[in-house]
Amino acid sequence: MRQSNVWAIVLAGGEGTRVRGFLKQLCGGTGLKQFSPIIGRRSMLQHTLDRMQQLVPPERTLIVVGAHQSAEAARQLADWPQQNIIYQPANRDTAPGILLPLSYITYWDPSATIIVSPSDHFVRDENRFMESVASSLSDLKRHSDKMILLGMTPAEQGQETEYGYIQLKKHPRATLTRPVAGFVEKPPLALARRLIDKGALWNTMVFTVRSTTLWQMVRDTVPSLCNAFGLIQSMLGSIHAPGFIQHIYQTIPNVNFSSDICAPLAKKLRVLKVPNVGWSDWGTVASILRSVIEMGQLETFRLRLEESQVHPSWYAASLAEIDPQSKDLPPEAIYSSLRT
């Protein structure tokens, strides 16, 4: 399945503020989601990298983290090619987080094809998920000037308002990927259900694209950002590159990749519908618990919560959110209700 010119960018610089307090108690450390071993002994970042190696070897996989996260990254990535760990001087949102490693990839391989993936998403059926990524790479050969997003088939109720949605254009015939009509970010419940009824998909923010297409997308929407990272690319290989990157990061604004680059260029995008593979971004405690229940590991997870002395105040409301009929019960009674 591997192709020689395919590279991967894994985004691992997020702060995960909504679940950080809970994960500090459960996993210890900083509570950063990507570095936390929530299920099993591997962190979410390590799960992502293991998954990605089905398609891309470590020497062509770049991981971007925040400079202030370097100690934790160093512990978890001690065996990773160190030149492929890219440290951002500051968090300037997702677009710079993609463009900094893209600058290195383009410097090394100007004709590269890129897979971009967050590092903190849970996938129950990893093999089927990566088959979809491989399918998007194949379809990219037919749509070489497009970016192909992976859109997830919405799963059970209760998560409708947690995600961004990709709206699909109507198409006269069945194709592997479909043109994108637009995006809706975290809609209210009534709108979310209407979107689902019309076939909209959850936005995983996993995508495949040729590097030349990605640079053009940034040039068309935020040309100043394209110029800034073009200058960074021209400095790579120089002893002055680290200082120059520091300087650029002091001057560039925060730019969100989804809203500032993808949304204005919906016509440049296509989406591949991924079956329900148990995907979740685990952005809330409730979403973690839903996955645990789906895997049949609620009792094991409950014991871990007790061993880690996680106070019920961190998750009682989330349990009640999953089972509203038990909202007035204590956590142990809610567990019993969910187990049955």
Protein backbone atom coordinates (compact mmCIF):
# COMPACT_ATOMS: atom_id res chain seq x y z
CA MET A 1 0.00 0.00 0.00
CA ARG A 2 2.98 2.31 0.47
CA GLN A 3 3.97 4.74 -2.28
CA SER A 4 7.44 6.23 -2.52
CA ASN A 5 6.42 9.89 -2.79
CA VAL A 6 3.74 9.88 -0.07
CA TRP A 7 4.55 11.77 3.12
CA ALA A 8 2.53 12.21 6.32
CA ILE A 9 2.05 15.17 8.63
CA VAL A 10 0.79 14.33 12.12
CA LEU A 11 -0.51 17.30 14.08
CA ALA A 12 0.40 16.93 17.77
CA GLY A 13 0.55 20.51 19.04
CA GLY A 14 -2.98 20.89 20.43
CA GLU A 15 -3.87 21.81 24.00
CA GLY A 16 -7.09 19.75 24.44
CA THR A 17 -8.47 22.09 27.06
CA ARG A 18 -11.93 20.48 27.34
CA VAL A 19 -10.62 17.13 28.61
CA ARG A 20 -7.24 18.11 30.00
CA GLY A 21 -8.29 18.25 33.66
CA PHE A 22 -9.95 14.82 33.43
CA LEU A 23 -6.92 13.28 31.69
CA LYS A 24 -4.51 14.74 34.23
CA GLN A 25 -6.33 12.76 36.89
CA LEU A 26 -6.73 9.62 34.79
CA CYS A 27 -3.33 9.41 33.07
CA GLY A 28 -1.08 11.76 35.01
CA GLY A 29 1.43 14.04 33.33
CA THR A 30 0.24 17.18 31.61
CA GLY A 31 -3.13 15.73 30.60
CA LEU A 32 -2.51 16.60 26.95
CA LYS A 33 -4.79 14.31 24.97
CA GLN A 34 -2.28 13.33 22.29
CA PHE A 35 0.29 12.22 24.89
CA SER A 36 -2.17 10.37 27.15
CA PRO A 37 -2.56 6.54 27.25
CA ILE A 38 -6.35 6.59 27.58
CA ILE A 39 -6.92 3.05 26.32
CA GLY A 40 -4.11 0.55 26.86
CA ARG A 41 -0.51 1.64 27.32
CA ARG A 42 0.06 3.57 24.10
CA SER A 43 -0.74 7.26 23.86
CA MET A 44 -3.13 8.58 21.22
CA LEU A 45 -0.11 9.94 19.32
CA GLN A 46 1.53 6.51 19.36
CA HIS A 47 -1.70 4.89 18.15
CA THR A 48 -1.84 7.43 15.29
CA LEU A 49 1.77 6.83 14.27
CA ASP A 50 1.33 3.06 14.34
CA ARG A 51 -1.76 3.43 12.16
CA MET A 52 -0.01 5.74 9.72
CA GLN A 53 2.88 3.30 9.22
CA GLN A 54 0.53 1.07 7.24
CA LEU A 55 0.97 3.63 4.45
CA VAL A 56 3.98 5.82 5.25
CA PRO A 57 7.31 4.85 6.90
CA PRO A 58 8.72 6.89 9.83
CA GLU A 59 11.37 8.55 7.66
CA ARG A 60 8.59 10.22 5.62
CA THR A 61 6.33 11.06 8.57
CA LEU A 62 6.70 14.48 10.20
CA ILE A 63 5.23 15.22 13.63
CA VAL A 64 4.59 18.83 14.59
CA VAL A 65 4.47 19.71 18.29
CA GLY A 66 4.72 22.88 20.33
CA ALA A 67 8.15 23.88 21.58
CA HIS A 68 6.76 23.93 25.13
CA GLN A 69 5.76 20.26 24.68
CA SER A 70 9.29 19.15 23.81
CA ALA A 71 9.95 17.19 27.03
CA GLU A 72 6.86 15.02 26.66
CA ALA A 73 7.41 14.61 22.93
CA ALA A 74 11.01 13.56 23.50
CA ARG A 75 9.93 10.81 25.92
CA GLN A 76 7.37 9.35 23.54
CA LEU A 77 9.34 9.83 20.34
CA ALA A 78 12.80 8.76 21.45
CA ASP A 79 13.00 6.15 18.66
CA TRP A 80 11.54 8.42 15.97
CA PRO A 81 13.82 10.13 13.38
CA GLN A 82 14.62 13.30 15.30
CA GLN A 83 14.83 15.50 12.20
CA ASN A 84 11.17 14.59 11.57
CA ILE A 85 9.96 16.08 14.86
CA ILE A 86 9.12 19.69 14.03
CA TYR A 87 8.82 22.11 16.96
CA GLN A 88 6.61 25.16 16.50
CA PRO A 89 7.82 28.24 18.40
CA ALA A 90 4.18 29.18 19.12
CA ASN A 91 0.68 27.89 18.44
CA ARG A 92 -0.74 29.93 15.55
CA ASP A 93 -3.70 27.59 14.95
CA THR A 94 -3.93 24.75 12.46
CA ALA A 95 -2.81 26.35 9.19
CA PRO A 96 0.73 27.20 10.37
CA GLY A 97 0.78 23.82 12.12
CA ILE A 98 0.41 22.20 8.70
CA LEU A 99 2.57 24.63 6.73
CA LEU A 100 5.69 24.37 8.86
CA PRO A 101 6.18 20.62 8.30
CA LEU A 102 4.95 21.07 4.71
CA SER A 103 7.84 23.50 4.19
CA TYR A 104 10.31 20.79 5.20
CA ILE A 105 8.63 18.14 3.04
CA THR A 106 8.60 20.42 -0.02
CA TYR A 107 12.26 21.29 0.60
CA TRP A 108 13.13 17.57 0.55
CA ASP A 109 10.59 16.38 -2.05
CA PRO A 110 8.92 19.10 -4.19
CA SER A 111 6.50 16.63 -5.85
CA ALA A 112 5.29 15.01 -2.61
CA THR A 113 1.77 13.79 -1.94
CA ILE A 114 0.68 14.45 1.63
CA ILE A 115 -1.53 12.74 4.20
CA VAL A 116 -2.46 15.07 7.06
CA SER A 117 -3.90 13.67 10.28
CA PRO A 118 -4.59 14.91 13.81
CA SER A 119 -2.84 12.86 16.48
CA ASP A 120 -5.62 12.80 19.08
CA HIS A 121 -8.51 10.97 17.40
CA PHE A 122 -9.69 7.52 18.40
CA VAL A 123 -10.37 4.88 15.73
CA ARG A 124 -11.71 1.48 16.80
CA ASP A 125 -11.28 -0.29 13.43
CA GLU A 126 -7.92 1.08 12.37
CA ASN A 127 -7.40 -1.21 9.38
CA ARG A 128 -10.67 -0.20 7.70
CA PHE A 129 -9.93 3.44 8.41
CA MET A 130 -6.51 3.23 6.77
CA GLU A 131 -8.08 1.42 3.80
CA SER A 132 -10.16 4.56 3.31
CA VAL A 133 -7.02 6.72 3.49
CA ALA A 134 -5.42 4.48 0.85
CA SER A 135 -8.56 4.82 -1.31
CA SER A 136 -8.34 8.60 -1.11
CA LEU A 137 -4.72 8.44 -2.29
CA SER A 138 -5.83 6.34 -5.26
CA ASP A 139 -8.62 8.74 -6.13
CA LEU A 140 -6.20 11.66 -5.87
CA LYS A 141 -4.57 10.34 -9.04
CA ARG A 142 -7.85 11.09 -10.88
CA HIS A 143 -8.33 14.46 -9.15
CA SER A 144 -4.75 15.65 -8.84
CA ASP A 145 -5.68 19.33 -8.39
CA LYS A 146 -8.08 18.63 -5.50
CA MET A 147 -7.81 17.97 -1.78
CA ILE A 148 -9.67 14.87 -0.55
CA LEU A 149 -11.12 14.93 2.95
CA LEU A 150 -12.21 11.86 4.86
CA GLY A 151 -15.80 12.34 5.97
CA MET A 152 -17.13 10.06 8.67
CA THR A 153 -20.58 8.50 8.56
CA PRO A 154 -22.36 9.95 11.64
CA ALA A 155 -22.80 7.32 14.33
CA GLU A 156 -25.05 7.18 17.37
CA GLN A 157 -27.11 10.06 18.68
CA GLY A 158 -25.58 12.25 21.34
CA GLN A 159 -22.60 13.50 19.35
CA GLU A 160 -24.38 15.55 16.69
CA THR A 161 -23.27 18.96 17.98
CA GLU A 162 -19.64 18.00 18.74
CA TYR A 163 -18.25 17.99 15.19
CA GLY A 164 -17.92 19.99 12.02
CA TYR A 165 -20.01 18.81 9.07
CA ILE A 166 -19.11 18.45 5.40
CA GLN A 167 -22.01 19.06 3.03
CA LEU A 168 -21.89 17.08 -0.22
CA LYS A 169 -22.87 18.28 -3.67
CA LYS A 170 -25.41 16.20 -5.53
CA HIS A 171 -23.77 14.08 -8.19
CA PRO A 172 -25.46 12.35 -11.12
CA ARG A 173 -23.52 9.12 -10.71
CA ALA A 174 -21.85 7.16 -7.95
CA THR A 175 -18.15 7.95 -7.51
CA LEU A 176 -15.61 7.07 -4.84
CA THR A 177 -15.34 10.72 -3.79
CA ARG A 178 -17.88 13.53 -4.04
CA PRO A 179 -17.50 17.30 -4.50
CA VAL A 180 -17.85 19.36 -1.31
CA ALA A 181 -20.70 21.86 -1.13
CA GLY A 182 -19.73 23.57 2.12
CA PHE A 183 -18.96 23.28 5.82
CA VAL A 184 -20.95 23.80 9.02
CA GLU A 185 -19.02 23.91 12.28
CA LYS A 186 -20.61 22.45 15.45
CA PRO A 187 -24.24 23.25 14.57
CA PRO A 188 -27.09 23.28 17.09
CA LEU A 189 -28.91 19.97 17.47
CA ALA A 190 -31.86 20.64 15.16
CA LEU A 191 -29.58 21.81 12.33
CA ALA A 192 -27.17 18.92 12.90
CA ARG A 193 -29.95 16.37 12.49
CA ARG A 194 -31.15 18.07 9.31
CA LEU A 195 -27.62 17.94 7.94
CA ILE A 196 -27.38 14.23 8.74
CA ASP A 197 -30.73 13.60 7.06
CA LYS A 198 -29.33 15.26 3.92
CA GLY A 199 -26.23 13.06 3.93
CA ALA A 200 -23.68 15.40 5.52
CA LEU A 201 -20.59 13.78 7.04
CA TRP A 202 -18.48 14.49 10.09
CA ASN A 203 -15.22 16.24 9.25
CA THR A 204 -12.29 14.12 10.49
CA MET A 205 -9.71 16.69 9.31
CA VAL A 206 -7.78 13.78 7.81
CA PHE A 207 -7.03 14.55 4.17
CA THR A 208 -4.78 13.76 1.23
CA VAL A 209 -3.44 16.35 -1.18
CA ARG A 210 -0.51 17.08 -3.46
CA SER A 211 1.91 19.57 -1.94
CA THR A 212 1.62 21.89 -4.97
CA THR A 213 -2.19 21.97 -4.57
CA LEU A 214 -1.94 22.73 -0.87
CA TRP A 215 0.45 25.62 -1.44
CA GLN A 216 -1.88 27.01 -4.10
CA MET A 217 -4.84 26.82 -1.73
CA VAL A 218 -2.97 28.88 0.85
CA ARG A 219 -1.81 31.32 -1.83
CA ASP A 220 -5.42 31.83 -2.95
CA THR A 221 -6.80 32.47 0.54
CA VAL A 222 -4.04 33.84 2.79
CA PRO A 223 -1.22 34.95 0.46
CA SER A 224 0.77 36.58 3.26
CA LEU A 225 0.94 33.23 5.05
CA CYS A 226 2.06 31.51 1.88
CA ASN A 227 4.81 34.10 1.45
CA ALA A 228 5.96 33.71 5.07
CA PHE A 229 6.32 29.94 4.84
CA GLY A 230 7.86 30.22 1.38
CA LEU A 231 10.59 32.28 3.01
CA ILE A 232 10.98 29.65 5.73
CA GLN A 233 11.37 26.97 3.08
CA SER A 234 14.06 29.01 1.33
CA MET A 235 16.01 29.23 4.62
CA LEU A 236 15.94 25.51 5.44
CA GLY A 237 19.41 24.01 5.40
CA SER A 238 20.89 27.27 6.67
CA ILE A 239 22.28 27.73 10.18
CA HIS A 240 20.02 30.78 10.39
CA ALA A 241 16.80 28.80 9.83
CA PRO A 242 15.83 28.30 13.51
CA GLY A 243 16.15 31.99 14.32
CA PHE A 244 14.30 32.94 11.14
CA ILE A 245 11.42 30.60 12.00
CA GLN A 246 11.22 32.20 15.45
CA HIS A 247 11.01 35.63 13.80
CA ILE A 248 8.30 34.56 11.33
CA TYR A 249 6.17 33.14 14.13
CA GLN A 250 6.30 36.50 15.90
CA THR A 251 4.78 38.18 12.84
CA ILE A 252 2.15 35.76 11.46
CA PRO A 253 -1.48 35.78 12.65
CA ASN A 254 -3.51 32.81 13.85
CA VAL A 255 -5.05 31.11 10.80
CA ASN A 256 -7.51 28.22 11.02
CA PHE A 257 -7.08 25.72 8.21
CA SER A 258 -10.74 24.69 8.08
CA SER A 259 -12.47 28.05 8.24
CA ASP A 260 -9.85 30.28 6.59
CA ILE A 261 -8.55 28.01 3.82
CA CYS A 262 -10.91 25.07 3.22
CA ALA A 263 -14.27 26.84 3.59
CA PRO A 264 -13.58 29.56 0.96
CA LEU A 265 -12.27 26.90 -1.45
CA ALA A 266 -14.98 24.26 -1.15
CA LYS A 267 -14.90 23.85 -4.95
CA LYS A 268 -11.30 22.62 -4.66
CA LEU A 269 -12.27 19.86 -2.25
CA ARG A 270 -13.71 16.39 -2.49
CA VAL A 271 -14.79 14.03 0.27
CA LEU A 272 -14.54 10.29 0.67
CA LYS A 273 -17.27 8.75 2.81
CA VAL A 274 -15.80 6.50 5.51
CA PRO A 275 -18.01 3.78 7.03
CA ASN A 276 -18.63 3.72 10.75
CA VAL A 277 -15.24 2.55 12.05
CA GLY A 278 -15.73 3.78 15.61
CA TRP A 279 -14.09 7.16 15.00
CA SER A 280 -14.27 9.92 17.61
CA ASP A 281 -12.13 12.97 18.31
CA TRP A 282 -12.49 12.40 22.08
CA GLY A 283 -12.87 16.11 22.63
CA THR A 284 -15.18 15.59 25.61
CA VAL A 285 -15.34 13.17 28.52
CA ALA A 286 -18.71 11.98 27.21
CA SER A 287 -17.21 11.05 23.82
CA ILE A 288 -14.50 8.99 25.55
CA LEU A 289 -17.11 7.17 27.64
CA ARG A 290 -19.27 6.48 24.57
CA SER A 291 -16.33 4.74 22.87
CA VAL A 292 -15.56 2.77 26.01
CA ILE A 293 -19.17 1.56 26.16
CA GLU A 294 -19.14 0.70 22.45
CA MET A 295 -16.02 -1.44 22.97
CA GLY A 296 -17.60 -3.24 25.93
CA GLN A 297 -14.90 -1.97 28.31
CA LEU A 298 -16.99 0.09 30.70
CA GLU A 299 -16.26 -2.06 33.74
CA THR A 300 -12.51 -2.10 33.03
CA PHE A 301 -12.54 1.66 32.59
CA ARG A 302 -14.55 2.15 35.78
CA LEU A 303 -11.90 0.21 37.73
CA ARG A 304 -9.19 2.36 36.21
CA LEU A 305 -11.05 5.51 37.24
CA GLU A 306 -11.14 4.17 40.80
CA GLU A 307 -7.46 3.18 40.80
CA SER A 308 -6.49 6.61 39.48
CA GLN A 309 -8.74 8.21 42.11
CA VAL A 310 -10.54 10.31 39.53
CA HIS A 311 -13.20 12.24 41.39
CA PRO A 312 -16.75 11.53 40.12
CA SER A 313 -17.27 15.25 39.57
CA TRP A 314 -15.08 14.93 36.47
CA TYR A 315 -17.36 12.45 34.73
CA ALA A 316 -20.74 12.16 36.50
CA ALA A 317 -22.36 14.79 34.24
CA SER A 318 -20.98 13.01 31.17
CA LEU A 319 -22.45 9.69 32.27
CA ALA A 320 -25.80 11.38 32.77
CA GLU A 321 -25.48 12.96 29.31
CA ILE A 322 -25.16 9.49 27.80
CA ASP A 323 -28.09 8.15 29.84
CA PRO A 324 -30.38 11.14 30.54
CA GLN A 325 -32.90 8.99 32.41
CA SER A 326 -30.36 8.44 35.16
CA LYS A 327 -29.25 12.05 35.57
CA ASP A 328 -30.32 12.15 39.24
CA LEU A 329 -28.52 8.92 40.16
CA PRO A 330 -25.03 8.66 41.70
CA PRO A 331 -22.24 7.58 39.31
CA GLU A 332 -22.20 3.94 40.46
CA ALA A 333 -25.93 3.59 39.75
CA ILE A 334 -25.44 5.16 36.31
CA TYR A 335 -22.67 2.64 35.58
CA SER A 336 -25.06 -0.17 36.43
CA SER A 337 -27.69 1.32 34.15
CA LEU A 338 -25.24 1.67 31.24
CA ARG A 339 -23.89 -1.87 31.68
CA THR A 340 -27.37 -3.23 31.18
